[in-house]
PDB file of N, CA and C in Angstrom:
ATOM      1  N   MET A   1      -5.770  -5.280  25.060  1.00  0.00           N
ATOM      2  CA  MET A   1      -5.035  -4.262  24.298  1.00  0.00           C
ATOM      3  C   MET A   1      -5.417  -4.181  22.869  1.00  0.00           C
ATOM      4  N   ASN A   2      -5.996  -3.084  22.236  1.00  0.00           N
ATOM      5  CA  ASN A   2      -6.490  -2.835  21.036  1.00  0.00           C
ATOM      6  C   ASN A   2      -5.364  -2.642  20.067  1.00  0.00           C
ATOM      7  N   VAL A   3      -5.770  -2.879  18.768  1.00  0.00           N
ATOM      8  CA  VAL A   3      -4.659  -2.524  17.748  1.00  0.00           C
ATOM      9  C   VAL A   3      -4.434  -1.325  17.476  1.00  0.00           C
ATOM     10  N   GLY A   4      -4.824  -0.319  17.784  1.00  0.00           N
ATOM     11  CA  GLY A   4      -4.721   1.245  17.781  1.00  0.00           C
ATOM     12  C   GLY A   4      -3.439   1.405  19.092  1.00  0.00           C
ATOM     13  N   ASP A   5      -3.426   0.727  20.169  1.00  0.00           N
ATOM     14  CA  ASP A   5      -2.617   0.591  20.954  1.00  0.00           C
ATOM     15  C   ASP A   5      -1.023   0.188  20.560  1.00  0.00           C
ATOM     16  N   ILE A   6      -0.824  -0.294  19.694  1.00  0.00           N
ATOM     17  CA  ILE A   6       0.331  -0.878  19.026  1.00  0.00           C
ATOM     18  C   ILE A   6       0.884  -0.173  18.078  1.00  0.00           C
ATOM     19  N   ILE A   7       0.086   0.470  17.185  1.00  0.00           N
ATOM     20  CA  ILE A   7       0.634   0.949  16.066  1.00  0.00           C
ATOM     21  C   ILE A   7       1.622   2.535  16.445  1.00  0.00           C
ATOM     22  N   THR A   8       2.419   2.573  16.018  1.00  0.00           N
ATOM     23  CA  THR A   8       3.554   3.338  16.099  1.00  0.00           C
ATOM     24  C   THR A   8       3.799   4.845  15.039  1.00  0.00           C
ATOM     25  N   ARG A   9       3.352   4.023  13.766  1.00  0.00           N
ATOM     26  CA  ARG A   9       3.611   5.115  12.607  1.00  0.00           C
ATOM     27  C   ARG A   9       2.083   5.323  12.244  1.00  0.00           C
ATOM     28  N   PRO A  10       2.153   6.664  11.492  1.00  0.00           N
ATOM     29  CA  PRO A  10       0.535   6.984  10.582  1.00  0.00           C
ATOM     30  C   PRO A  10       0.951   6.185   9.296  1.00  0.00           C
ATOM     31  N   LEU A  11      -0.505   6.103   9.042  1.00  0.00           N
ATOM     32  CA  LEU A  11      -0.869   5.564   7.458  1.00  0.00           C
ATOM     33  C   LEU A  11      -0.410   6.089   6.665  1.00  0.00           C
ATOM     34  N   LEU A  12       0.484   5.457   5.846  1.00  0.00           N
ATOM     35  CA  LEU A  12       0.892   6.361   4.553  1.00  0.00           C
ATOM     36  C   LEU A  12      -0.068   5.623   3.230  1.00  0.00           C
ATOM     37  N   THR A  13      -0.699   6.428   2.469  1.00  0.00           N
ATOM     38  CA  THR A  13      -1.285   6.235   1.325  1.00  0.00           C
ATOM     39  C   THR A  13      -0.744   6.472  -0.048  1.00  0.00           C
ATOM     40  N   ILE A  14      -1.080   6.130  -0.993  1.00  0.00           N
ATOM     41  CA  ILE A  14      -0.901   6.366  -2.510  1.00  0.00           C
ATOM     42  C   ILE A  14      -2.236   6.128  -3.402  1.00  0.00           C
ATOM     43  N   PRO A  15      -2.429   6.906  -4.364  1.00  0.00           N
ATOM     44  CA  PRO A  15      -3.539   6.566  -5.094  1.00  0.00           C
ATOM     45  C   PRO A  15      -2.992   5.483  -6.216  1.00  0.00           C
ATOM     46  N   PRO A  16      -4.537   4.916  -6.753  1.00  0.00           N
ATOM     47  CA  PRO A  16      -4.309   3.701  -7.861  1.00  0.00           C
ATOM     48  C   PRO A  16      -3.618   4.178  -8.932  1.00  0.00           C
ATOM     49  N   GLY A  17      -3.641   5.428  -9.330  1.00  0.00           N
ATOM     50  CA  GLY A  17      -2.904   5.901 -10.557  1.00  0.00           C
ATOM     51  C   GLY A  17      -1.570   6.253 -10.189  1.00  0.00           C
ATOM     52  N   ALA A  18      -0.979   5.931  -9.273  1.00  0.00           N
ATOM     53  CA  ALA A  18       0.436   6.673  -8.983  1.00  0.00           C
ATOM     54  C   ALA A  18       1.081   5.520  -9.577  1.00  0.00           C
ATOM     55  N   THR A  19       2.582   5.659 -10.076  1.00  0.00           N
ATOM     56  CA  THR A  19       3.423   4.815 -10.692  1.00  0.00           C
ATOM     57  C   THR A  19       4.403   4.160  -9.748  1.00  0.00           C
ATOM     58  N   LEU A  20       4.597   2.832 -10.305  1.00  0.00           N
ATOM     59  CA  LEU A  20       5.513   1.928  -9.475  1.00  0.00           C
ATOM     60  C   LEU A  20       6.386   2.793  -8.994  1.00  0.00           C
ATOM     61  N   ILE A  21       7.352   3.624  -9.938  1.00  0.00           N
ATOM     62  CA  ILE A  21       8.432   4.427  -9.229  1.00  0.00           C
ATOM     63  C   ILE A  21       7.856   5.322  -8.181  1.00  0.00           C
ATOM     64  N   ASP A  22       6.591   5.986  -8.190  1.00  0.00           N
ATOM     65  CA  ASP A  22       6.299   6.958  -7.259  1.00  0.00           C
ATOM     66  C   ASP A  22       6.044   6.233  -6.061  1.00  0.00           C
ATOM     67  N   ALA A  23       5.708   4.903  -5.614  1.00  0.00           N
ATOM     68  CA  ALA A  23       5.322   3.838  -4.610  1.00  0.00           C
ATOM     69  C   ALA A  23       6.891   3.816  -4.319  1.00  0.00           C
ATOM     70  N   ALA A  24       7.888   3.527  -5.280  1.00  0.00           N
ATOM     71  CA  ALA A  24       8.961   3.099  -4.390  1.00  0.00           C
ATOM     72  C   ALA A  24       9.764   4.270  -3.802  1.00  0.00           C
ATOM     73  N   LYS A  25       9.425   5.384  -4.400  1.00  0.00           N
ATOM     74  CA  LYS A  25       9.975   6.536  -4.026  1.00  0.00           C
ATOM     75  C   LYS A  25       9.524   6.773  -2.362  1.00  0.00           C
ATOM     76  N   VAL A  26       8.259   6.993  -2.439  1.00  0.00           N
ATOM     77  CA  VAL A  26       7.388   6.892  -1.023  1.00  0.00           C
ATOM     78  C   VAL A  26       8.005   5.863   0.216  1.00  0.00           C
ATOM     79  N   MET A  27       8.161   4.755  -0.539  1.00  0.00           N
ATOM     80  CA  MET A  27       8.799   3.708   0.464  1.00  0.00           C
ATOM     81  C   MET A  27      10.190   3.975   1.152  1.00  0.00           C
ATOM     82  N   VAL A  28      11.021   4.471  -0.195  1.00  0.00           N
ATOM     83  CA  VAL A  28      12.293   4.550   0.406  1.00  0.00           C
ATOM     84  C   VAL A  28      12.530   5.993   1.361  1.00  0.00           C
ATOM     85  N   GLU A  29      11.803   7.045   0.999  1.00  0.00           N
ATOM     86  CA  GLU A  29      11.417   8.269   1.591  1.00  0.00           C
ATOM     87  C   GLU A  29      11.425   7.971   3.132  1.00  0.00           C
ATOM     88  N   ASN A  30      10.304   7.020   3.330  1.00  0.00           N
ATOM     89  CA  ASN A  30       9.684   6.603   4.731  1.00  0.00           C
ATOM     90  C   ASN A  30       9.927   5.317   5.355  1.00  0.00           C
ATOM     91  N   ASN A  31      11.090   4.891   4.685  1.00  0.00           N
ATOM     92  CA  ASN A  31      11.561   3.521   5.251  1.00  0.00           C
ATOM     93  C   ASN A  31      10.500   2.523   5.445  1.00  0.00           C
ATOM     94  N   LEU A  32       9.518   2.239   4.162  1.00  0.00           N
ATOM     95  CA  LEU A  32       8.705   1.479   4.437  1.00  0.00           C
ATOM     96  C   LEU A  32       8.564   0.279   3.320  1.00  0.00           C
ATOM     97  N   GLY A  33       7.982  -0.658   3.695  1.00  0.00           N
ATOM     98  CA  GLY A  33       8.076  -2.014   2.779  1.00  0.00           C
ATOM     99  C   GLY A  33       6.621  -2.155   2.108  1.00  0.00           C
ATOM    100  N   LEU A  34       5.720  -1.183   2.317  1.00  0.00           N
ATOM    101  CA  LEU A  34       4.304  -1.339   1.767  1.00  0.00           C
ATOM    102  C   LEU A  34       3.491  -0.247   2.058  1.00  0.00           C
ATOM    103  N   LEU A  35       2.682  -0.032   1.358  1.00  0.00           N
ATOM    104  CA  LEU A  35       1.816   1.174   1.307  1.00  0.00           C
ATOM    105  C   LEU A  35       0.401   0.696   0.725  1.00  0.00           C
ATOM    106  N   VAL A  36      -0.731   1.695   1.549  1.00  0.00           N
ATOM    107  CA  VAL A  36      -1.889   1.223   1.188  1.00  0.00           C
ATOM    108  C   VAL A  36      -2.565   2.239  -0.082  1.00  0.00           C
ATOM    109  N   ILE A  37      -3.157   1.485  -0.703  1.00  0.00           N
ATOM    110  CA  ILE A  37      -3.951   2.214  -1.932  1.00  0.00           C
ATOM    111  C   ILE A  37      -5.290   2.451  -1.571  1.00  0.00           C
ATOM    112  N   CYS A  38      -5.481   3.938  -2.123  1.00  0.00           N
ATOM    113  CA  CYS A  38      -6.755   4.461  -1.649  1.00  0.00           C
ATOM    114  C   CYS A  38      -7.644   4.029  -2.811  1.00  0.00           C
ATOM    115  N   ASP A  39      -8.898   4.118  -2.360  1.00  0.00           N
ATOM    116  CA  ASP A  39     -10.058   4.135  -3.621  1.00  0.00           C
ATOM    117  C   ASP A  39      -9.838   5.413  -4.249  1.00  0.00           C
ATOM    118  N   ALA A  40     -10.028   5.427  -5.835  1.00  0.00           N
ATOM    119  CA  ALA A  40      -9.884   6.666  -6.224  1.00  0.00           C
ATOM    120  C   ALA A  40     -11.151   7.611  -6.203  1.00  0.00           C
ATOM    121  N   GLU A  41     -12.065   7.319  -5.782  1.00  0.00           N
ATOM    122  CA  GLU A  41     -13.635   8.071  -5.670  1.00  0.00           C
ATOM    123  C   GLU A  41     -13.705   8.286  -3.900  1.00  0.00           C
ATOM    124  N   ASP A  42     -13.488   7.316  -3.069  1.00  0.00           N
ATOM    125  CA  ASP A  42     -13.321   7.455  -1.669  1.00  0.00           C
ATOM    126  C   ASP A  42     -12.196   7.039  -0.892  1.00  0.00           C
ATOM    127  N   LYS A  43     -11.572   8.163  -0.502  1.00  0.00           N
ATOM    128  CA  LYS A  43     -10.148   8.024   0.160  1.00  0.00           C
ATOM    129  C   LYS A  43     -10.306   7.266   1.293  1.00  0.00           C
ATOM    130  N   THR A  44     -11.437   6.909   1.622  1.00  0.00           N
ATOM    131  CA  THR A  44     -11.273   6.294   3.219  1.00  0.00           C
ATOM    132  C   THR A  44     -11.404   4.838   2.834  1.00  0.00           C
ATOM    133  N   LYS A  45     -11.850   4.398   1.680  1.00  0.00           N
ATOM    134  CA  LYS A  45     -11.736   3.074   1.306  1.00  0.00           C
ATOM    135  C   LYS A  45     -10.320   2.707   0.781  1.00  0.00           C
ATOM    136  N   VAL A  46     -10.100   1.315   1.275  1.00  0.00           N
ATOM    137  CA  VAL A  46      -8.846   0.489   0.777  1.00  0.00           C
ATOM    138  C   VAL A  46      -9.024  -0.115  -0.676  1.00  0.00           C
ATOM    139  N   ALA A  47      -8.231   0.246  -1.816  1.00  0.00           N
ATOM    140  CA  ALA A  47      -8.220  -0.399  -2.867  1.00  0.00           C
ATOM    141  C   ALA A  47      -7.397  -1.525  -2.949  1.00  0.00           C
ATOM    142  N   GLY A  48      -6.510  -1.582  -2.636  1.00  0.00           N
ATOM    143  CA  GLY A  48      -5.301  -2.782  -2.506  1.00  0.00           C
ATOM    144  C   GLY A  48      -3.988  -2.102  -1.421  1.00  0.00           C
ATOM    145  N   VAL A  49      -3.080  -2.951  -1.515  1.00  0.00           N
ATOM    146  CA  VAL A  49      -1.555  -2.636  -1.079  1.00  0.00           C
ATOM    147  C   VAL A  49      -0.633  -2.818  -2.157  1.00  0.00           C
ATOM    148  N   ILE A  50       0.384  -2.225  -1.923  1.00  0.00           N
ATOM    149  CA  ILE A  50       1.628  -2.458  -2.882  1.00  0.00           C
ATOM    150  C   ILE A  50       2.669  -2.473  -2.059  1.00  0.00           C
ATOM    151  N   SER A  51       3.543  -3.489  -2.225  1.00  0.00           N
ATOM    152  CA  SER A  51       4.637  -3.872  -1.166  1.00  0.00           C
ATOM    153  C   SER A  51       5.966  -3.641  -2.357  1.00  0.00           C
ATOM    154  N   GLU A  52       7.421  -3.930  -1.565  1.00  0.00           N
ATOM    155  CA  GLU A  52       8.753  -3.750  -2.481  1.00  0.00           C
ATOM    156  C   GLU A  52       8.435  -5.118  -3.304  1.00  0.00           C
ATOM    157  N   ARG A  53       8.206  -6.280  -2.682  1.00  0.00           N
ATOM    158  CA  ARG A  53       7.976  -7.474  -3.603  1.00  0.00           C
ATOM    159  C   ARG A  53       7.015  -7.232  -4.579  1.00  0.00           C
ATOM    160  N   ASP A  54       5.844  -6.804  -4.538  1.00  0.00           N
ATOM    161  CA  ASP A  54       5.064  -6.472  -5.694  1.00  0.00           C
ATOM    162  C   ASP A  54       5.852  -5.747  -6.759  1.00  0.00           C
ATOM    163  N   ILE A  55       6.731  -5.011  -6.297  1.00  0.00           N
ATOM    164  CA  ILE A  55       7.149  -4.072  -7.363  1.00  0.00           C
ATOM    165  C   ILE A  55       8.506  -4.630  -8.196  1.00  0.00           C
ATOM    166  N   ILE A  56       9.215  -5.490  -7.173  1.00  0.00           N
ATOM    167  CA  ILE A  56      10.079  -6.286  -8.048  1.00  0.00           C
ATOM    168  C   ILE A  56       9.753  -7.393  -8.933  1.00  0.00           C
ATOM    169  N   LYS A  57       8.553  -7.930  -8.467  1.00  0.00           N
ATOM    170  CA  LYS A  57       7.981  -8.827  -9.356  1.00  0.00           C
ATOM    171  C   LYS A  57       7.611  -8.409 -10.694  1.00  0.00           C
ATOM    172  N   SER A  58       7.117  -7.424 -10.280  1.00  0.00           N
ATOM    173  CA  SER A  58       6.376  -6.882 -11.593  1.00  0.00           C
ATOM    174  C   SER A  58       7.338  -6.286 -12.922  1.00  0.00           C
ATOM    175  N   ILE A  59       8.829  -5.921 -12.061  1.00  0.00           N
ATOM    176  CA  ILE A  59       9.596  -5.339 -13.067  1.00  0.00           C
ATOM    177  C   ILE A  59      10.318  -6.320 -13.635  1.00  0.00           C
ATOM    178  N   VAL A  60      10.351  -7.776 -12.825  1.00  0.00           N
ATOM    179  CA  VAL A  60      10.992  -9.137 -13.523  1.00  0.00           C
ATOM    180  C   VAL A  60      10.242  -9.566 -14.551  1.00  0.00           C
ATOM    181  N   SER A  61       8.932  -9.212 -14.425  1.00  0.00           N
ATOM    182  CA  SER A  61       7.893  -9.970 -15.610  1.00  0.00           C
ATOM    183  C   SER A  61       7.767  -8.845 -16.671  1.00  0.00           C
ATOM    184  N   GLY A  62       8.454  -7.704 -16.737  1.00  0.00           N
ATOM    185  CA  GLY A  62       8.526  -6.695 -17.517  1.00  0.00           C
ATOM    186  C   GLY A  62       7.341  -5.474 -17.567  1.00  0.00           C
ATOM    187  N   LYS A  63       6.958  -5.393 -16.239  1.00  0.00           N
ATOM    188  CA  LYS A  63       6.205  -4.134 -16.505  1.00  0.00           C
ATOM    189  C   LYS A  63       7.305  -2.872 -16.291  1.00  0.00           C
ATOM    190  N   LEU A  64       6.667  -1.994 -16.741  1.00  0.00           N
ATOM    191  CA  LEU A  64       7.536  -0.395 -16.613  1.00  0.00           C
ATOM    192  C   LEU A  64       7.477   0.246 -15.408  1.00  0.00           C
ATOM    193  N   LEU A  65       8.412   1.165 -15.046  1.00  0.00           N
ATOM    194  CA  LEU A  65       8.304   1.478 -14.037  1.00  0.00           C
ATOM    195  C   LEU A  65       7.032   2.756 -13.862  1.00  0.00           C
ATOM    196  N   ASN A  66       6.694   3.172 -14.943  1.00  0.00           N
ATOM    197  CA  ASN A  66       5.518   4.013 -15.027  1.00  0.00           C
ATOM    198  C   ASN A  66       4.069   3.611 -15.113  1.00  0.00           C
ATOM    199  N   ALA A  67       4.060   2.356 -14.819  1.00  0.00           N
ATOM    200  CA  ALA A  67       2.967   1.378 -14.495  1.00  0.00           C
ATOM    201  C   ALA A  67       2.215   1.723 -13.734  1.00  0.00           C
ATOM    202  N   PRO A  68       0.675   2.057 -13.373  1.00  0.00           N
ATOM    203  CA  PRO A  68       0.073   2.253 -12.403  1.00  0.00           C
ATOM    204  C   PRO A  68       0.081   1.319 -11.108  1.00  0.00           C
ATOM    205  N   VAL A  69       0.289   1.683  -9.815  1.00  0.00           N
ATOM    206  CA  VAL A  69       0.356   0.784  -8.914  1.00  0.00           C
ATOM    207  C   VAL A  69      -1.198  -0.446  -9.033  1.00  0.00           C
ATOM    208  N   ALA A  70      -2.088   0.285  -9.188  1.00  0.00           N
ATOM    209  CA  ALA A  70      -3.418  -0.615  -9.588  1.00  0.00           C
ATOM    210  C   ALA A  70      -3.193  -1.934 -10.047  1.00  0.00           C
ATOM    211  N   GLU A  71      -2.028  -1.849 -11.294  1.00  0.00           N
ATOM    212  CA  GLU A  71      -2.072  -3.182 -12.221  1.00  0.00           C
ATOM    213  C   GLU A  71      -1.281  -4.043 -11.198  1.00  0.00           C
ATOM    214  N   VAL A  72      -0.632  -3.974 -10.373  1.00  0.00           N
ATOM    215  CA  VAL A  72       0.298  -5.028  -9.876  1.00  0.00           C
ATOM    216  C   VAL A  72      -0.305  -5.008  -8.121  1.00  0.00           C
ATOM    217  N   SER A  73      -1.116  -4.276  -7.465  1.00  0.00           N
ATOM    218  CA  SER A  73      -1.260  -4.501  -6.092  1.00  0.00           C
ATOM    219  C   SER A  73      -2.143  -5.759  -5.925  1.00  0.00           C
ATOM    220  N   THR A  74      -1.954  -5.909  -4.669  1.00  0.00           N
ATOM    221  CA  THR A  74      -2.831  -6.928  -3.999  1.00  0.00           C
ATOM    222  C   THR A  74      -3.952  -6.073  -3.643  1.00  0.00           C
ATOM    223  N   LYS A  75      -5.267  -6.917  -4.051  1.00  0.00           N
ATOM    224  CA  LYS A  75      -6.585  -5.993  -3.926  1.00  0.00           C
ATOM    225  C   LYS A  75      -7.441  -6.554  -2.779  1.00  0.00           C
ATOM    226  N   HIS A  76      -7.385  -8.206  -2.549  1.00  0.00           N
ATOM    227  CA  HIS A  76      -8.104  -8.445  -1.510  1.00  0.00           C
ATOM    228  C   HIS A  76      -7.390  -8.462  -0.245  1.00  0.00           C
ATOM    229  N   VAL A  77      -7.447  -7.352   0.480  1.00  0.00           N
ATOM    230  CA  VAL A  77      -6.769  -6.907   1.839  1.00  0.00           C
ATOM    231  C   VAL A  77      -7.978  -6.904   2.987  1.00  0.00           C
ATOM    232  N   VAL A  78      -7.430  -7.706   3.817  1.00  0.00           N
ATOM    233  CA  VAL A  78      -8.066  -7.852   5.294  1.00  0.00           C
ATOM    234  C   VAL A  78      -7.613  -7.004   6.012  1.00  0.00           C
ATOM    235  N   THR A  79      -8.657  -5.840   6.686  1.00  0.00           N
ATOM    236  CA  THR A  79      -8.244  -4.956   7.452  1.00  0.00           C
ATOM    237  C   THR A  79      -8.992  -5.344   8.978  1.00  0.00           C
ATOM    238  N   VAL A  80      -8.464  -4.380   9.925  1.00  0.00           N
ATOM    239  CA  VAL A  80      -9.140  -4.548  11.208  1.00  0.00           C
ATOM    240  C   VAL A  80      -9.407  -2.650  11.554  1.00  0.00           C
ATOM    241  N   LYS A  81     -10.363  -2.708  12.601  1.00  0.00           N
ATOM    242  CA  LYS A  81     -10.469  -1.730  12.939  1.00  0.00           C
ATOM    243  C   LYS A  81      -9.453  -1.223  14.042  1.00  0.00           C
ATOM    244  N   ALA A  82      -9.038  -0.011  14.712  1.00  0.00           N
ATOM    245  CA  ALA A  82      -7.970   0.529  15.538  1.00  0.00           C
ATOM    246  C   ALA A  82      -8.605  -0.001  16.871  1.00  0.00           C
ATOM    247  N   ASN A  83      -9.721  -0.094  17.201  1.00  0.00           N
ATOM    248  CA  ASN A  83     -10.401  -0.422  18.372  1.00  0.00           C
ATOM    249  C   ASN A  83     -10.521  -2.022  18.604  1.00  0.00           C
ATOM    250  N   SER A  84     -10.293  -2.668  17.202  1.00  0.00           N
ATOM    251  CA  SER A  84     -10.366  -4.226  17.617  1.00  0.00           C
ATOM    252  C   SER A  84      -9.381  -4.789  18.806  1.00  0.00           C
ATOM    253  N   GLU A  85      -9.732  -5.636  19.240  1.00  0.00           N
ATOM    254  CA  GLU A  85      -8.796  -6.316  20.461  1.00  0.00           C
ATOM    255  C   GLU A  85      -7.694  -7.200  19.734  1.00  0.00           C
ATOM    256  N   VAL A  86      -6.223  -6.835  19.967  1.00  0.00           N
ATOM    257  CA  VAL A  86      -5.214  -7.609  19.508  1.00  0.00           C
ATOM    258  C   VAL A  86      -5.410  -9.192  19.488  1.00  0.00           C
ATOM    259  N   ALA A  87      -5.838  -9.607  20.718  1.00  0.00           N
ATOM    260  CA  ALA A  87      -6.260 -11.233  20.894  1.00  0.00           C
ATOM    261  C   ALA A  87      -7.256 -11.391  19.920  1.00  0.00           C
TER     262      ALA A  87
END
């Protein structure tokens, strides 16, 4: 079985300049807890991920909701190809 065989939802992405509130709105509208951040110049490359927890931690640490997601995202992301074996 491949990774692509078990993926049930389309990938939703957000640009690195989008705000924390933008990310939160997309998450709520799509019932998601994490979004992939695309590279600003090459939309096929992953620049990071932003999660609900990242947003909450950034608010608690004093970030404003209009801060860009790139400031608080996880940048070192491990990825796999859809045709990779699950095992």
